[in-house]
Structures are given as structure tokens and as C-alpha cells.
């Protein structure tokens, strides 16, 4: 009888994916994420998306470093939110200094303090519904949804287990944050 480890791997049904299954996936430039046992696959983002990610990550990095607040990470980088939601790969996330992972850690376990997802046409439902709900339920304190096409930033903060809208920012508005208090980012500066 053939040993279990010698048998070829068979992808599981949606809703049954595990981190072990994830480790069988190819390193092919796509972003693979498992949320509540469901595999999500996205292609490489477009240039407008990446411009926004870069601009916002730079703003976060310089602010966080100057204030010695923690660490900023950009995708691809694994976050293990829970046993059934790992990995997720937010576009940008911030972790307070007292929770920062050890150097060379392969992933971050638990909810980051702030997550940013930059919406692409193919990721609207994933970012606005699936990830919104998962980040809320796993305790991510602040969640930003950034839409380069609409040129807006929506910031949500967790209060009593639910996200409430902190604000919608556009044009010359200064984006507010509870987690990164005193950061000052002009909404328009994030878009091509």
C-alpha cells in the first residue's frame, strides 16, 4: 500500500482549504489567499493599483519610522488571521511595535492593527465584502478601502465588534486614522 506522503496532492473542495493545501500551490505570480477555508486567487494588479500601494506605503513607512510606532508591510506577505483564514495577503498592513514579529518571521499571526486594501476591478467583492467581514470578525482595529478609480479612501474603525465609518476622503481631504493618530495624508496624493 502506498504511503500517504507519496500520493499526489489533490486540491480540496472550496470551504475545505487549509494552510497545508496552500503550501502545494505554485509560486506563479498570483496572489493566493484562504478565507474561511475558501481559496481566492488574484492576478497581478495594474499600474494604478501599484502606484497607490507604493504612495501609501511610503507615507505609512516614513510616519511610523519617525514616530517609532511599529512596522509597515506590503504584499506579498502572509498574515494568519485564524486557523481557517490563513494566509491572507493585505496590500498594506501596520503592526504596533509591541506586537511586531521577530526578524525573519515567515508570517504574522493574528490581526494587524491596520489593514489597507486597494481595490481593483476584479477584487471589489473580495475587498468590500469578504475581507471586510473577515477583518471585522478577527479584530483588525482599522481597515481602509482605497479605490484608485473613484479616487477615494474609506476608513473604518472597530468598535464593539463592528466596523463604523470613520470617514470617506477625496480630493484635498486629509485622511484621518485612529490607529496612526496625527498622520496627515492628502487623499489626491495617492492617485495617478
Protein backbone atom coordinates (compact mmCIF):
# COMPACT_ATOMS: atom_id res chain seq x y z
CA UNK A 1 0.00 0.00 0.00
CA UNK A 2 1.35 3.42 -0.98
CA UNK A 3 2.26 5.75 1.92
CA UNK A 4 0.09 8.87 2.30
CA UNK A 5 3.01 11.22 1.72
CA UNK A 6 3.77 9.50 -1.63
CA UNK A 7 0.28 10.06 -3.02
CA UNK A 8 -0.25 13.01 -5.35
CA UNK A 9 -1.89 16.05 -3.77
CA UNK A 10 -5.50 16.70 -4.74
CA UNK A 11 -6.93 20.20 -4.28
CA UNK A 12 -9.78 20.20 -1.75
CA UNK A 13 -13.31 21.49 -2.31
CA UNK A 14 -13.99 25.17 -1.68
CA UNK A 15 -14.60 25.71 2.03
CA UNK A 16 -12.14 22.93 2.91
CA UNK A 17 -8.83 24.61 2.07
CA UNK A 18 -6.12 24.58 4.75
CA UNK A 19 -2.70 26.15 5.07
CA UNK A 20 -1.19 22.76 4.25
CA UNK A 21 -3.09 22.79 0.95
CA UNK A 22 -1.89 26.34 0.29
CA UNK A 23 1.71 25.15 0.51
CA UNK A 24 1.12 22.95 -2.55
CA UNK A 25 0.21 25.91 -4.77
CA UNK A 26 2.69 27.16 -7.38
CA UNK A 27 4.78 30.29 -6.98
CA UNK A 28 3.47 31.76 -10.23
CA UNK A 29 3.00 35.47 -9.52
CA UNK A 30 -0.63 35.15 -8.50
CA UNK A 31 -1.84 36.01 -5.01
CA UNK A 32 -3.39 33.04 -3.21
CA UNK A 33 -5.41 33.62 -0.06
CA UNK A 34 -7.59 31.36 2.09
CA UNK A 35 -10.51 32.96 3.92
CA UNK A 36 -12.85 30.71 5.91
CA UNK A 37 -11.50 27.69 4.01
CA UNK A 38 -12.20 29.23 0.59
CA UNK A 39 -9.33 29.76 -1.84
CA UNK A 40 -9.16 33.16 -3.55
CA UNK A 41 -6.79 33.73 -6.48
CA UNK A 42 -5.99 37.13 -7.96
CA UNK A 43 -3.70 38.10 -10.80
CA UNK A 44 -1.00 40.74 -10.62
CA UNK A 45 -2.54 44.20 -10.12
CA UNK A 46 -2.43 47.03 -12.66
CA UNK A 47 -0.11 50.05 -12.58
CA UNK A 48 -2.64 52.45 -10.98
CA UNK A 49 -3.15 49.97 -8.14
CA UNK A 50 0.59 49.65 -7.57
CA UNK A 51 1.14 53.42 -7.72
CA UNK A 52 -1.41 53.82 -4.91
CA UNK A 53 0.08 50.98 -2.85
CA UNK A 54 3.57 52.47 -3.21
CA UNK A 55 2.48 56.04 -2.38
CA UNK A 56 0.52 54.97 0.69
CA UNK A 57 3.15 52.51 1.93
CA UNK A 58 5.79 55.27 1.67
CA UNK A 59 3.60 57.66 3.69
CA UNK A 60 2.99 54.99 6.34
CA UNK A 61 6.63 53.92 6.46
CA UNK A 62 8.04 57.42 6.98
CA UNK A 63 5.42 58.33 9.60
CA UNK A 64 5.74 55.05 11.52
CA UNK A 65 9.55 55.13 11.43
CA UNK A 66 9.77 58.77 12.59
CA UNK A 67 7.36 58.10 15.47
CA UNK A 68 8.85 54.64 16.27
CA UNK A 69 5.37 53.15 16.23
CA UNK A 70 5.94 49.71 14.71
CA UNK A 71 6.30 48.16 11.28
CA UNK A 72 4.66 48.51 7.88
CA UNK A 73 4.45 45.60 5.42
CA UNK A 74 3.26 45.27 1.82
CA UNK A 75 2.04 42.27 -0.18
CA UNK A 76 3.06 39.65 -0.81
CA UNK A 77 3.37 38.97 2.91
CA UNK A 78 1.39 36.36 4.84
CA UNK A 79 -1.00 37.16 7.68
CA UNK A 80 -2.53 34.26 9.58
CA UNK A 81 -5.76 35.68 10.98
CA UNK A 82 -7.20 32.41 12.25
CA UNK A 83 -6.98 28.67 11.75
CA UNK A 84 -9.39 28.85 8.77
CA UNK A 85 -8.19 32.17 7.35
CA UNK A 86 -4.54 31.83 6.55
CA UNK A 87 -2.86 33.17 4.68
CA UNK A 88 -4.38 36.48 3.73
CA UNK A 89 -2.14 38.98 1.96
CA UNK A 90 -3.32 42.55 2.51
CA UNK A 91 -1.90 45.19 0.17
CA UNK A 92 -0.50 47.08 3.20
CA UNK A 93 -0.63 46.41 6.92
CA UNK A 94 0.71 48.01 10.08
CA UNK A 95 1.67 46.30 13.34
CA UNK A 96 2.38 48.20 16.56
CA UNK A 97 5.92 47.94 17.94
CA UNK A 98 4.89 45.82 20.94
CA UNK A 99 3.34 43.24 18.59
CA UNK A 100 5.98 43.30 15.83
CA UNK A 101 7.13 39.91 14.57
CA UNK A 102 10.67 38.70 15.15
CA UNK A 103 13.18 39.33 12.36
CA UNK A 104 12.91 36.75 9.55
CA UNK A 105 9.48 35.56 10.73
CA UNK A 106 7.76 33.72 7.85
CA UNK A 107 4.37 35.30 8.60
CA UNK A 108 2.43 37.42 11.09
CA UNK A 109 -0.07 35.61 13.29
CA UNK A 110 -3.15 37.45 14.49
CA UNK A 111 -4.92 40.61 13.37
CA UNK A 112 -2.73 43.53 12.27
CA UNK A 113 -3.59 46.89 13.83
CA UNK A 114 -4.41 48.50 10.47
CA UNK A 115 -5.00 46.94 7.05
CA UNK A 116 -5.31 48.67 3.69
CA UNK A 117 -6.75 47.04 0.59
CA UNK A 118 -6.50 48.88 -2.72
CA UNK A 119 -9.50 47.90 -4.83
CA UNK A 120 -9.02 46.56 -8.35
CA UNK A 121 -11.93 45.95 -10.72
CA UNK A 122 -11.54 42.19 -10.12
CA UNK A 123 -11.30 42.47 -6.31
CA UNK A 124 -14.27 44.69 -5.41
CA UNK A 125 -16.40 41.96 -3.82
CA UNK A 126 -13.40 40.34 -2.14
CA UNK A 127 -12.21 43.61 -0.56
CA UNK A 128 -15.59 45.18 0.23
CA UNK A 129 -17.46 42.09 1.46
CA UNK A 130 -15.33 39.01 2.14
CA UNK A 131 -12.25 40.71 3.60
CA UNK A 132 -14.30 43.45 5.26
CA UNK A 133 -16.25 40.80 7.20
CA UNK A 134 -13.18 38.69 7.99
CA UNK A 135 -11.10 41.63 9.20
CA UNK A 136 -14.02 42.84 11.32
CA UNK A 137 -14.63 39.39 12.86
CA UNK A 138 -10.96 38.73 13.62
CA UNK A 139 -10.41 42.08 15.32
CA UNK A 140 -8.44 44.26 12.88
CA UNK A 141 -8.74 47.67 14.61
CA UNK A 142 -8.79 49.77 11.45
CA UNK A 143 -9.48 48.94 7.79
CA UNK A 144 -9.02 51.25 4.81
CA UNK A 145 -10.51 50.57 1.40
CA UNK A 146 -8.76 52.64 -1.26
CA UNK A 147 -10.34 52.96 -4.70
CA UNK A 148 -7.98 54.42 -7.34
CA UNK A 149 -10.74 54.50 -9.97
CA UNK A 150 -13.18 56.50 -7.78
CA UNK A 151 -10.21 58.34 -6.17
CA UNK A 152 -11.50 57.85 -2.63
CA UNK A 153 -10.30 56.38 0.66
CA UNK A 154 -12.78 54.87 3.11
CA UNK A 155 -11.54 54.37 6.68
CA UNK A 156 -13.38 52.06 9.09
CA UNK A 157 -12.65 51.58 12.81
CA UNK A 158 -13.66 48.66 15.01
CA UNK A 159 -15.98 49.46 17.89
CA UNK A 160 -17.80 46.80 19.92
CA UNK A 161 -17.00 44.15 17.30
CA UNK A 162 -18.30 46.09 14.28
CA UNK A 163 -16.78 48.48 11.81
CA UNK A 164 -18.03 52.04 11.81
CA UNK A 165 -17.15 54.52 9.09
CA UNK A 166 -14.50 56.99 10.29
CA UNK A 167 -14.64 58.90 7.02
CA UNK A 168 -14.62 58.98 3.24
CA UNK A 169 -11.75 61.07 1.89
CA UNK A 170 -11.26 62.52 -1.59
CA UNK A 171 -9.63 65.46 -3.39
CA UNK A 172 -7.72 67.62 -0.88
CA UNK A 173 -9.19 65.92 2.22
CA UNK A 174 -6.69 64.91 4.91
CA UNK A 175 -7.17 61.21 5.69
CA UNK A 176 -7.80 60.55 9.39
CA UNK A 177 -6.73 57.49 11.36
CA UNK A 178 -7.30 56.36 14.93
CA UNK A 179 -4.52 53.78 14.87
CA UNK A 180 -1.98 56.18 13.31
CA UNK A 181 -3.18 59.34 15.03
CA UNK A 182 -1.70 62.56 13.61
CA UNK A 183 -0.78 61.06 10.25
CA UNK A 184 -1.62 63.59 7.53
CA UNK A 185 -2.11 62.22 4.01
CA UNK A 186 -3.85 64.21 1.30
CA UNK A 187 -6.22 61.85 -0.49
CA UNK A 188 -5.32 63.07 -4.00
CA UNK A 189 -1.62 62.32 -3.41
CA UNK A 190 -2.39 58.60 -3.59
CA UNK A 191 -3.70 58.54 -7.15
CA UNK A 192 -2.20 58.87 -10.62
